[in-house]
Amino acid sequence: MKLLNDLFSTDYGLMSTTGIGFMLCMAAFFLRMFLVKMNEPPAPKVAGQQTLTEGA
């Protein structure tokens, strides 16, 4: 109980909780973003546009 009391009542505990929550939200955002991007069809190639594999 002392652990939970320190976690939610001290400045360092609240900052830790905020940091952990922020990182979990950021992980969920990036997971969703990458999954959506992976399932998108490739964009059509514009004339004159080079890809990374074609070189400069």
C-alpha atoms as a PDB file:
ATOM      1  CA  MET A   1       0.000   0.000   0.000  1.00  0.00           C
ATOM      2  CA  LYS A   2       2.926   2.347   0.642  1.00  0.00           C
ATOM      3  CA  LEU A   3       3.966   1.861  -2.991  1.00  0.00           C
ATOM      4  CA  LEU A   4       0.557   2.930  -4.332  1.00  0.00           C
ATOM      5  CA  ASN A   5       0.392   5.775  -1.841  1.00  0.00           C
ATOM      6  CA  ASP A   6       3.765   7.091  -3.037  1.00  0.00           C
ATOM      7  CA  LEU A   7       2.846   6.564  -6.692  1.00  0.00           C
ATOM      8  CA  PHE A   8      -0.314   8.667  -6.581  1.00  0.00           C
ATOM      9  CA  SER A   9       0.484  11.229  -3.900  1.00  0.00           C
ATOM     10  CA  THR A  10       4.074  12.381  -4.447  1.00  0.00           C
ATOM     11  CA  ASP A  11       5.409  14.626  -7.183  1.00  0.00           C
ATOM     12  CA  TYR A  12       7.841  12.007  -8.496  1.00  0.00           C
ATOM     13  CA  GLY A  13       5.132   9.334  -8.413  1.00  0.00           C
ATOM     14  CA  LEU A  14       2.680  11.477 -10.368  1.00  0.00           C
ATOM     15  CA  MET A  15       5.375  12.396 -12.889  1.00  0.00           C
ATOM     16  CA  SER A  16       6.200   8.698 -13.309  1.00  0.00           C
ATOM     17  CA  THR A  17       2.529   7.862 -13.803  1.00  0.00           C
ATOM     18  CA  THR A  18       2.189  10.676 -16.347  1.00  0.00           C
ATOM     19  CA  GLY A  19       5.300   9.534 -18.219  1.00  0.00           C
ATOM     20  CA  ILE A  20       4.170   5.913 -18.322  1.00  0.00           C
ATOM     21  CA  GLY A  21       0.697   6.935 -19.507  1.00  0.00           C
ATOM     22  CA  PHE A  22       2.141   9.205 -22.194  1.00  0.00           C
ATOM     23  CA  MET A  23       4.430   6.442 -23.481  1.00  0.00           C
ATOM     24  CA  LEU A  24       1.566   3.937 -23.613  1.00  0.00           C
ATOM     25  CA  CYS A  25      -0.611   6.399 -25.543  1.00  0.00           C
ATOM     26  CA  MET A  26       2.256   7.139 -27.926  1.00  0.00           C
ATOM     27  CA  ALA A  27       2.851   3.398 -28.474  1.00  0.00           C
ATOM     28  CA  ALA A  28      -0.854   2.866 -29.261  1.00  0.00           C
ATOM     29  CA  PHE A  29      -0.836   5.826 -31.667  1.00  0.00           C
ATOM     30  CA  PHE A  30       2.230   4.588 -33.555  1.00  0.00           C
ATOM     31  CA  LEU A  31       0.940   1.000 -33.638  1.00  0.00           C
ATOM     32  CA  ARG A  32      -2.332   2.159 -35.182  1.00  0.00           C
ATOM     33  CA  MET A  33      -0.588   4.526 -37.603  1.00  0.00           C
ATOM     34  CA  PHE A  34       1.871   1.866 -38.828  1.00  0.00           C
ATOM     35  CA  LEU A  35      -0.864  -0.752 -39.233  1.00  0.00           C
ATOM     36  CA  VAL A  36      -2.970   1.650 -41.316  1.00  0.00           C
ATOM     37  CA  LYS A  37       0.046   2.677 -43.438  1.00  0.00           C
ATOM     38  CA  MET A  38       1.029  -0.957 -44.053  1.00  0.00           C
ATOM     39  CA  ASN A  39      -2.415  -1.776 -45.428  1.00  0.00           C
ATOM     40  CA  GLU A  40      -2.595   1.194 -47.818  1.00  0.00           C
ATOM     41  CA  PRO A  41      -2.003   0.471 -51.504  1.00  0.00           C
ATOM     42  CA  PRO A  42       1.194   2.004 -52.899  1.00  0.00           C
ATOM     43  CA  ALA A  43       0.874   5.499 -54.323  1.00  0.00           C
ATOM     44  CA  PRO A  44       1.005   5.726 -58.130  1.00  0.00           C
ATOM     45  CA  LYS A  45       4.414   6.704 -59.487  1.00  0.00           C
ATOM     46  CA  VAL A  46       4.551  10.226 -60.900  1.00  0.00           C
ATOM     47  CA  ALA A  47       6.484  10.692 -64.154  1.00  0.00           C
ATOM     48  CA  GLY A  48      10.075  11.667 -63.429  1.00  0.00           C
ATOM     49  CA  GLN A  49       9.944  10.549 -59.816  1.00  0.00           C
ATOM     50  CA  GLN A  50      12.739   8.257 -58.642  1.00  0.00           C
ATOM     51  CA  THR A  51      12.444   5.602 -55.975  1.00  0.00           C
ATOM     52  CA  LEU A  52      15.074   4.820 -53.375  1.00  0.00           C
ATOM     53  CA  THR A  53      16.127   1.633 -55.183  1.00  0.00           C
ATOM     54  CA  GLU A  54      16.712   3.389 -58.530  1.00  0.00           C
ATOM     55  CA  GLY A  55      19.530   5.540 -57.177  1.00  0.00           C
ATOM     56  CA  ALA A  56      20.212   9.222 -57.673  1.00  0.00           C
END
